[in-house]
Amino acid sequence: MGRIDYLHDPEAPAANSVVPSVVAFVQNDAAQVLMIQRSDNGRWALPGGGHDVGESISDTVVREVWEETGVKAEIIDMSGIYTDPGHVMQYDDGEVRQQFSICFRAHPVGGELRTSDETTQVRWVDPTDLAQLDVHPTMRLRIEHAMDRDRPTPYIG
Protein backbone atom coordinates (compact mmCIF):
# COMPACT_ATOMS: atom_id res chain seq x y z
CA MET A 1 0.00 0.00 0.00
CA GLY A 2 1.37 3.41 -0.97
CA ARG A 3 1.65 6.36 1.37
CA ILE A 4 1.94 10.11 0.85
CA ASP A 5 3.05 12.34 3.73
CA TYR A 6 1.73 15.90 3.94
CA LEU A 7 3.31 18.42 6.28
CA HIS A 8 1.40 21.69 6.81
CA ASP A 9 0.17 21.49 3.22
CA PRO A 10 -3.10 23.38 2.56
CA GLU A 11 -3.84 20.86 -0.21
CA ALA A 12 -3.62 17.89 2.17
CA PRO A 13 -6.74 15.79 2.61
CA ALA A 14 -8.52 15.95 5.97
CA ALA A 15 -7.55 13.29 8.49
CA ASN A 16 -10.10 10.55 9.12
CA SER A 17 -8.17 8.47 11.68
CA VAL A 18 -5.60 8.58 14.45
CA VAL A 19 -3.60 5.45 15.23
CA PRO A 20 -1.08 5.39 18.06
CA SER A 21 2.27 4.33 16.65
CA VAL A 22 5.89 4.02 17.68
CA VAL A 23 9.33 4.47 16.19
CA ALA A 24 12.56 3.17 17.66
CA PHE A 25 15.88 4.99 17.66
CA VAL A 26 18.09 1.92 17.95
CA GLN A 27 21.78 2.64 18.35
CA ASN A 28 24.50 -0.01 18.48
CA ASP A 29 27.80 0.04 20.41
CA ALA A 30 29.48 1.75 17.43
CA ALA A 31 26.91 4.60 17.78
CA GLN A 32 25.34 3.68 14.42
CA VAL A 33 21.59 4.15 13.99
CA LEU A 34 19.30 1.39 12.69
CA MET A 35 17.52 2.72 9.59
CA ILE A 36 15.01 1.21 7.19
CA GLN A 37 14.04 2.17 3.67
CA ARG A 38 10.25 2.01 3.59
CA SER A 39 8.62 -0.02 0.81
CA ASP A 40 5.53 2.23 0.74
CA ASN A 41 7.25 5.55 -0.07
CA GLY A 42 10.96 4.76 -0.56
CA ARG A 43 12.09 7.09 2.20
CA TRP A 44 14.49 6.22 5.01
CA ALA A 45 13.08 6.06 8.52
CA LEU A 46 13.45 4.63 11.97
CA PRO A 47 11.69 1.26 12.31
CA GLY A 48 8.21 1.42 13.78
CA GLY A 49 4.50 1.04 13.26
CA GLY A 50 1.03 0.93 14.71
CA HIS A 51 0.06 -0.14 18.19
CA ASP A 52 -2.10 -3.30 18.21
CA VAL A 53 -4.96 -4.16 20.54
CA GLY A 54 -3.72 -6.34 23.39
CA GLU A 55 -0.14 -5.02 23.34
CA SER A 56 1.70 -2.79 25.73
CA ILE A 57 3.41 0.09 23.95
CA SER A 58 6.81 -1.42 24.82
CA ASP A 59 5.73 -4.70 23.17
CA THR A 60 4.82 -2.69 20.07
CA VAL A 61 8.32 -1.20 19.88
CA VAL A 62 10.05 -4.57 20.22
CA ARG A 63 7.67 -6.26 17.73
CA GLU A 64 7.96 -3.54 15.09
CA VAL A 65 11.77 -3.43 15.22
CA TRP A 66 11.91 -7.22 14.94
CA GLU A 67 9.35 -7.44 12.11
CA GLU A 68 10.93 -4.71 10.00
CA THR A 69 14.65 -5.33 10.60
CA GLY A 70 15.39 -8.74 12.15
CA VAL A 71 16.96 -6.97 15.15
CA LYS A 72 15.90 -7.78 18.69
CA ALA A 73 15.81 -4.54 20.66
CA GLU A 74 15.51 -3.52 24.28
CA ILE A 75 13.98 -0.16 25.22
CA ILE A 76 16.11 2.35 27.12
CA ASP A 77 13.71 5.30 27.43
CA MET A 78 11.32 7.59 25.57
CA SER A 79 12.65 10.58 23.64
CA GLY A 80 9.44 12.18 22.39
CA ILE A 81 5.75 12.23 21.53
CA TYR A 82 4.73 13.66 18.14
CA THR A 83 1.12 14.67 17.47
CA ASP A 84 1.31 17.50 14.92
CA PRO A 85 -2.19 17.75 13.34
CA GLY A 86 -0.52 19.38 10.32
CA HIS A 87 1.22 16.09 9.50
CA VAL A 88 -1.11 13.61 7.83
CA MET A 89 -0.40 10.42 5.91
CA GLN A 90 -2.67 9.38 3.05
CA TYR A 91 -2.87 5.67 2.18
CA ASP A 92 -4.16 4.01 -1.00
CA ASP A 93 -7.15 2.53 0.86
CA GLY A 94 -8.59 6.00 1.65
CA GLU A 95 -7.30 6.29 5.19
CA VAL A 96 -5.81 9.68 6.02
CA ARG A 97 -4.06 9.38 9.35
CA GLN A 98 -3.11 12.23 11.66
CA GLN A 99 0.35 11.79 13.13
CA PHE A 100 0.50 10.24 16.60
CA SER A 101 3.90 8.74 17.24
CA ILE A 102 5.99 7.97 20.29
CA CYS A 103 9.76 7.69 19.81
CA PHE A 104 11.77 5.37 22.04
CA ARG A 105 15.52 4.95 22.40
CA ALA A 106 16.63 1.32 22.30
CA HIS A 107 19.70 -0.83 21.85
CA PRO A 108 20.12 -4.11 19.99
CA VAL A 109 20.30 -7.34 21.98
CA GLY A 110 20.35 -9.88 19.14
CA GLY A 111 19.15 -10.84 15.72
CA GLU A 112 20.55 -10.20 12.25
CA LEU A 113 19.67 -7.53 9.69
CA ARG A 114 17.05 -8.57 7.14
CA THR A 115 14.32 -6.87 5.14
CA SER A 116 10.56 -7.46 5.35
CA ASP A 117 7.54 -6.68 3.19
CA GLU A 118 7.62 -3.17 4.75
CA THR A 119 11.32 -2.54 4.05
CA THR A 120 13.49 -2.60 0.93
CA GLN A 121 16.75 -1.96 2.81
CA VAL A 122 17.87 -2.20 6.43
CA ARG A 123 21.23 -0.90 7.59
CA TRP A 124 23.27 0.56 10.40
CA VAL A 125 24.07 4.18 9.53
CA ASP A 126 26.77 6.37 11.00
CA PRO A 127 25.16 9.56 12.38
CA THR A 128 27.39 11.66 10.10
CA ASP A 129 25.86 9.91 7.06
CA LEU A 130 22.20 10.48 8.03
CA ALA A 131 22.07 13.81 6.14
CA GLN A 132 22.69 11.94 2.86
CA LEU A 133 19.50 9.85 3.21
CA ASP A 134 16.03 10.87 2.01
CA VAL A 135 14.36 11.20 5.42
CA HIS A 136 11.04 13.00 5.95
CA PRO A 137 11.46 16.19 8.04
CA THR A 138 9.28 14.84 10.86
CA MET A 139 11.38 11.66 11.07
CA ARG A 140 14.56 13.73 11.01
CA LEU A 141 13.16 15.68 14.00
CA ARG A 142 12.66 12.43 15.93
CA ILE A 143 16.23 11.39 15.16
CA GLU A 144 17.61 14.76 16.30
CA HIS A 145 15.64 14.62 19.55
CA ALA A 146 16.69 11.01 20.23
CA MET A 147 20.35 11.87 19.65
CA ASP A 148 20.12 14.72 22.18
CA ARG A 149 20.69 12.70 25.34
CA ASP A 150 21.23 15.91 27.34
CA ARG A 151 17.57 16.93 26.91
CA PRO A 152 16.14 16.93 30.47
CA THR A 153 12.67 15.73 29.43
CA PRO A 154 11.20 14.04 26.33
CA TYR A 155 9.93 16.23 23.51
CA ILE A 156 6.13 16.61 23.54
CA GLY A 157 4.49 18.27 20.59
C-alpha atoms as a PDB file:
ATOM      1  CA  MET A   1       0.000   0.000   0.000  1.00  0.00           C
ATOM      2  CA  GLY A   2       1.374   3.406  -0.973  1.00  0.00           C
ATOM      3  CA  ARG A   3       1.654   6.364   1.365  1.00  0.00           C
ATOM      4  CA  ILE A   4       1.936  10.109   0.848  1.00  0.00           C
ATOM      5  CA  ASP A   5       3.049  12.341   3.727  1.00  0.00           C
ATOM      6  CA  TYR A   6       1.726  15.898   3.938  1.00  0.00           C
ATOM      7  CA  LEU A   7       3.308  18.424   6.285  1.00  0.00           C
ATOM      8  CA  HIS A   8       1.403  21.694   6.806  1.00  0.00           C
ATOM      9  CA  ASP A   9       0.172  21.486   3.217  1.00  0.00           C
ATOM     10  CA  PRO A  10      -3.098  23.381   2.559  1.00  0.00           C
ATOM     11  CA  GLU A  11      -3.842  20.857  -0.213  1.00  0.00           C
ATOM     12  CA  ALA A  12      -3.621  17.893   2.172  1.00  0.00           C
ATOM     13  CA  PRO A  13      -6.745  15.789   2.610  1.00  0.00           C
ATOM     14  CA  ALA A  14      -8.525  15.946   5.966  1.00  0.00           C
ATOM     15  CA  ALA A  15      -7.548  13.293   8.488  1.00  0.00           C
ATOM     16  CA  ASN A  16     -10.105  10.549   9.117  1.00  0.00           C
ATOM     17  CA  SER A  17      -8.172   8.474  11.679  1.00  0.00           C
ATOM     18  CA  VAL A  18      -5.596   8.582  14.446  1.00  0.00           C
ATOM     19  CA  VAL A  19      -3.600   5.448  15.226  1.00  0.00           C
ATOM     20  CA  PRO A  20      -1.078   5.388  18.065  1.00  0.00           C
ATOM     21  CA  SER A  21       2.265   4.327  16.654  1.00  0.00           C
ATOM     22  CA  VAL A  22       5.893   4.022  17.683  1.00  0.00           C
ATOM     23  CA  VAL A  23       9.331   4.471  16.191  1.00  0.00           C
ATOM     24  CA  ALA A  24      12.558   3.173  17.663  1.00  0.00           C
ATOM     25  CA  PHE A  25      15.876   4.989  17.658  1.00  0.00           C
ATOM     26  CA  VAL A  26      18.089   1.919  17.950  1.00  0.00           C
ATOM     27  CA  GLN A  27      21.785   2.645  18.350  1.00  0.00           C
ATOM     28  CA  ASN A  28      24.502  -0.007  18.484  1.00  0.00           C
ATOM     29  CA  ASP A  29      27.797   0.037  20.411  1.00  0.00           C
ATOM     30  CA  ALA A  30      29.484   1.745  17.429  1.00  0.00           C
ATOM     31  CA  ALA A  31      26.910   4.600  17.777  1.00  0.00           C
ATOM     32  CA  GLN A  32      25.341   3.680  14.418  1.00  0.00           C
ATOM     33  CA  VAL A  33      21.588   4.150  13.988  1.00  0.00           C
ATOM     34  CA  LEU A  34      19.302   1.388  12.691  1.00  0.00           C
ATOM     35  CA  MET A  35      17.518   2.724   9.591  1.00  0.00           C
ATOM     36  CA  ILE A  36      15.006   1.206   7.188  1.00  0.00           C
ATOM     37  CA  GLN A  37      14.037   2.169   3.670  1.00  0.00           C
ATOM     38  CA  ARG A  38      10.252   2.008   3.587  1.00  0.00           C
ATOM     39  CA  SER A  39       8.623  -0.019   0.814  1.00  0.00           C
ATOM     40  CA  ASP A  40       5.525   2.233   0.737  1.00  0.00           C
ATOM     41  CA  ASN A  41       7.251   5.547  -0.072  1.00  0.00           C
ATOM     42  CA  GLY A  42      10.964   4.760  -0.559  1.00  0.00           C
ATOM     43  CA  ARG A  43      12.088   7.095   2.204  1.00  0.00           C
ATOM     44  CA  TRP A  44      14.490   6.222   5.009  1.00  0.00           C
ATOM     45  CA  ALA A  45      13.076   6.064   8.524  1.00  0.00           C
ATOM     46  CA  LEU A  46      13.448   4.630  11.975  1.00  0.00           C
ATOM     47  CA  PRO A  47      11.688   1.263  12.311  1.00  0.00           C
ATOM     48  CA  GLY A  48       8.206   1.423  13.776  1.00  0.00           C
ATOM     49  CA  GLY A  49       4.500   1.041  13.259  1.00  0.00           C
ATOM     50  CA  GLY A  50       1.027   0.926  14.709  1.00  0.00           C
ATOM     51  CA  HIS A  51       0.057  -0.136  18.190  1.00  0.00           C
ATOM     52  CA  ASP A  52      -2.103  -3.298  18.206  1.00  0.00           C
ATOM     53  CA  VAL A  53      -4.962  -4.161  20.542  1.00  0.00           C
ATOM     54  CA  GLY A  54      -3.717  -6.342  23.394  1.00  0.00           C
ATOM     55  CA  GLU A  55      -0.144  -5.019  23.341  1.00  0.00           C
ATOM     56  CA  SER A  56       1.697  -2.792  25.734  1.00  0.00           C
ATOM     57  CA  ILE A  57       3.412   0.094  23.948  1.00  0.00           C
ATOM     58  CA  SER A  58       6.815  -1.415  24.815  1.00  0.00           C
ATOM     59  CA  ASP A  59       5.726  -4.696  23.174  1.00  0.00           C
ATOM     60  CA  THR A  60       4.816  -2.687  20.065  1.00  0.00           C
ATOM     61  CA  VAL A  61       8.318  -1.199  19.877  1.00  0.00           C
ATOM     62  CA  VAL A  62      10.047  -4.570  20.223  1.00  0.00           C
ATOM     63  CA  ARG A  63       7.675  -6.262  17.730  1.00  0.00           C
ATOM     64  CA  GLU A  64       7.965  -3.544  15.086  1.00  0.00           C
ATOM     65  CA  VAL A  65      11.774  -3.426  15.223  1.00  0.00           C
ATOM     66  CA  TRP A  66      11.913  -7.225  14.936  1.00  0.00           C
ATOM     67  CA  GLU A  67       9.351  -7.440  12.113  1.00  0.00           C
ATOM     68  CA  GLU A  68      10.928  -4.712   9.995  1.00  0.00           C
ATOM     69  CA  THR A  69      14.650  -5.328  10.599  1.00  0.00           C
ATOM     70  CA  GLY A  70      15.390  -8.736  12.154  1.00  0.00           C
ATOM     71  CA  VAL A  71      16.961  -6.974  15.145  1.00  0.00           C
ATOM     72  CA  LYS A  72      15.899  -7.778  18.694  1.00  0.00           C
ATOM     73  CA  ALA A  73      15.810  -4.535  20.662  1.00  0.00           C
ATOM     74  CA  GLU A  74      15.507  -3.515  24.282  1.00  0.00           C
ATOM     75  CA  ILE A  75      13.979  -0.158  25.218  1.00  0.00           C
ATOM     76  CA  ILE A  76      16.109   2.349  27.118  1.00  0.00           C
ATOM     77  CA  ASP A  77      13.710   5.296  27.433  1.00  0.00           C
ATOM     78  CA  MET A  78      11.316   7.586  25.565  1.00  0.00           C
ATOM     79  CA  SER A  79      12.651  10.578  23.635  1.00  0.00           C
ATOM     80  CA  GLY A  80       9.439  12.185  22.388  1.00  0.00           C
ATOM     81  CA  ILE A  81       5.745  12.226  21.529  1.00  0.00           C
ATOM     82  CA  TYR A  82       4.730  13.657  18.135  1.00  0.00           C
ATOM     83  CA  THR A  83       1.118  14.673  17.470  1.00  0.00           C
ATOM     84  CA  ASP A  84       1.311  17.504  14.924  1.00  0.00           C
ATOM     85  CA  PRO A  85      -2.187  17.748  13.342  1.00  0.00           C
ATOM     86  CA  GLY A  86      -0.524  19.376  10.320  1.00  0.00           C
ATOM     87  CA  HIS A  87       1.224  16.090   9.502  1.00  0.00           C
ATOM     88  CA  VAL A  88      -1.112  13.608   7.831  1.00  0.00           C
ATOM     89  CA  MET A  89      -0.404  10.417   5.906  1.00  0.00           C
ATOM     90  CA  GLN A  90      -2.671   9.381   3.049  1.00  0.00           C
ATOM     91  CA  TYR A  91      -2.874   5.673   2.178  1.00  0.00           C
ATOM     92  CA  ASP A  92      -4.161   4.011  -0.999  1.00  0.00           C
ATOM     93  CA  ASP A  93      -7.147   2.531   0.858  1.00  0.00           C
ATOM     94  CA  GLY A  94      -8.588   6.005   1.651  1.00  0.00           C
ATOM     95  CA  GLU A  95      -7.298   6.292   5.186  1.00  0.00           C
ATOM     96  CA  VAL A  96      -5.809   9.684   6.022  1.00  0.00           C
ATOM     97  CA  ARG A  97      -4.063   9.385   9.355  1.00  0.00           C
ATOM     98  CA  GLN A  98      -3.114  12.231  11.661  1.00  0.00           C
ATOM     99  CA  GLN A  99       0.349  11.787  13.131  1.00  0.00           C
ATOM    100  CA  PHE A 100       0.502  10.245  16.602  1.00  0.00           C
ATOM    101  CA  SER A 101       3.900   8.740  17.235  1.00  0.00           C
ATOM    102  CA  ILE A 102       5.991   7.971  20.291  1.00  0.00           C
ATOM    103  CA  CYS A 103       9.756   7.687  19.812  1.00  0.00           C
ATOM    104  CA  PHE A 104      11.773   5.374  22.041  1.00  0.00           C
ATOM    105  CA  ARG A 105      15.524   4.945  22.400  1.00  0.00           C
ATOM    106  CA  ALA A 106      16.634   1.320  22.301  1.00  0.00           C
ATOM    107  CA  HIS A 107      19.702  -0.832  21.851  1.00  0.00           C
ATOM    108  CA  PRO A 108      20.125  -4.113  19.994  1.00  0.00           C
ATOM    109  CA  VAL A 109      20.297  -7.344  21.982  1.00  0.00           C
ATOM    110  CA  GLY A 110      20.354  -9.880  19.145  1.00  0.00           C
ATOM    111  CA  GLY A 111      19.147 -10.842  15.716  1.00  0.00           C
ATOM    112  CA  GLU A 112      20.547 -10.201  12.248  1.00  0.00           C
ATOM    113  CA  LEU A 113      19.668  -7.535   9.693  1.00  0.00           C
ATOM    114  CA  ARG A 114      17.045  -8.567   7.139  1.00  0.00           C
ATOM    115  CA  THR A 115      14.320  -6.867   5.144  1.00  0.00           C
ATOM    116  CA  SER A 116      10.563  -7.461   5.353  1.00  0.00           C
ATOM    117  CA  ASP A 117       7.541  -6.679   3.194  1.00  0.00           C
ATOM    118  CA  GLU A 118       7.623  -3.171   4.752  1.00  0.00           C
ATOM    119  CA  THR A 119      11.321  -2.542   4.048  1.00  0.00           C
ATOM    120  CA  THR A 120      13.492  -2.601   0.934  1.00  0.00           C
ATOM    121  CA  GLN A 121      16.751  -1.958   2.814  1.00  0.00           C
ATOM    122  CA  VAL A 122      17.868  -2.195   6.431  1.00  0.00           C
ATOM    123  CA  ARG A 123      21.225  -0.899   7.589  1.00  0.00           C
ATOM    124  CA  TRP A 124      23.268   0.563  10.401  1.00  0.00           C
ATOM    125  CA  VAL A 125      24.071   4.181   9.531  1.00  0.00           C
ATOM    126  CA  ASP A 126      26.773   6.371  11.005  1.00  0.00           C
ATOM    127  CA  PRO A 127      25.161   9.557  12.378  1.00  0.00           C
ATOM    128  CA  THR A 128      27.392  11.659  10.102  1.00  0.00           C
ATOM    129  CA  ASP A 129      25.857   9.907   7.061  1.00  0.00           C
ATOM    130  CA  LEU A 130      22.205  10.485   8.027  1.00  0.00           C
ATOM    131  CA  ALA A 131      22.071  13.806   6.138  1.00  0.00           C
ATOM    132  CA  GLN A 132      22.690  11.936   2.857  1.00  0.00           C
ATOM    133  CA  LEU A 133      19.504   9.848   3.212  1.00  0.00           C
ATOM    134  CA  ASP A 134      16.031  10.870   2.012  1.00  0.00           C
ATOM    135  CA  VAL A 135      14.360  11.199   5.422  1.00  0.00           C
ATOM    136  CA  HIS A 136      11.035  12.998   5.953  1.00  0.00           C
ATOM    137  CA  PRO A 137      11.459  16.192   8.043  1.00  0.00           C
ATOM    138  CA  THR A 138       9.285  14.839  10.862  1.00  0.00           C
ATOM    139  CA  MET A 139      11.379  11.661  11.071  1.00  0.00           C
ATOM    140  CA  ARG A 140      14.555  13.735  11.010  1.00  0.00           C
ATOM    141  CA  LEU A 141      13.161  15.684  14.003  1.00  0.00           C
ATOM    142  CA  ARG A 142      12.655  12.431  15.929  1.00  0.00           C
ATOM    143  CA  ILE A 143      16.234  11.393  15.161  1.00  0.00           C
ATOM    144  CA  GLU A 144      17.615  14.761  16.299  1.00  0.00           C
ATOM    145  CA  HIS A 145      15.644  14.620  19.546  1.00  0.00           C
ATOM    146  CA  ALA A 146      16.687  11.006  20.226  1.00  0.00           C
ATOM    147  CA  MET A 147      20.353  11.868  19.646  1.00  0.00           C
ATOM    148  CA  ASP A 148      20.125  14.717  22.178  1.00  0.00           C
ATOM    149  CA  ARG A 149      20.690  12.699  25.340  1.00  0.00           C
ATOM    150  CA  ASP A 150      21.225  15.911  27.342  1.00  0.00           C
ATOM    151  CA  ARG A 151      17.575  16.931  26.905  1.00  0.00           C
ATOM    152  CA  PRO A 152      16.141  16.929  30.466  1.00  0.00           C
ATOM    153  CA  THR A 153      12.666  15.728  29.426  1.00  0.00           C
ATOM    154  CA  PRO A 154      11.197  14.039  26.334  1.00  0.00           C
ATOM    155  CA  TYR A 155       9.927  16.232  23.511  1.00  0.00           C
ATOM    156  CA  ILE A 156       6.133  16.614  23.541  1.00  0.00           C
ATOM    157  CA  GLY A 157       4.488  18.274  20.589  1.00  0.00           C
END
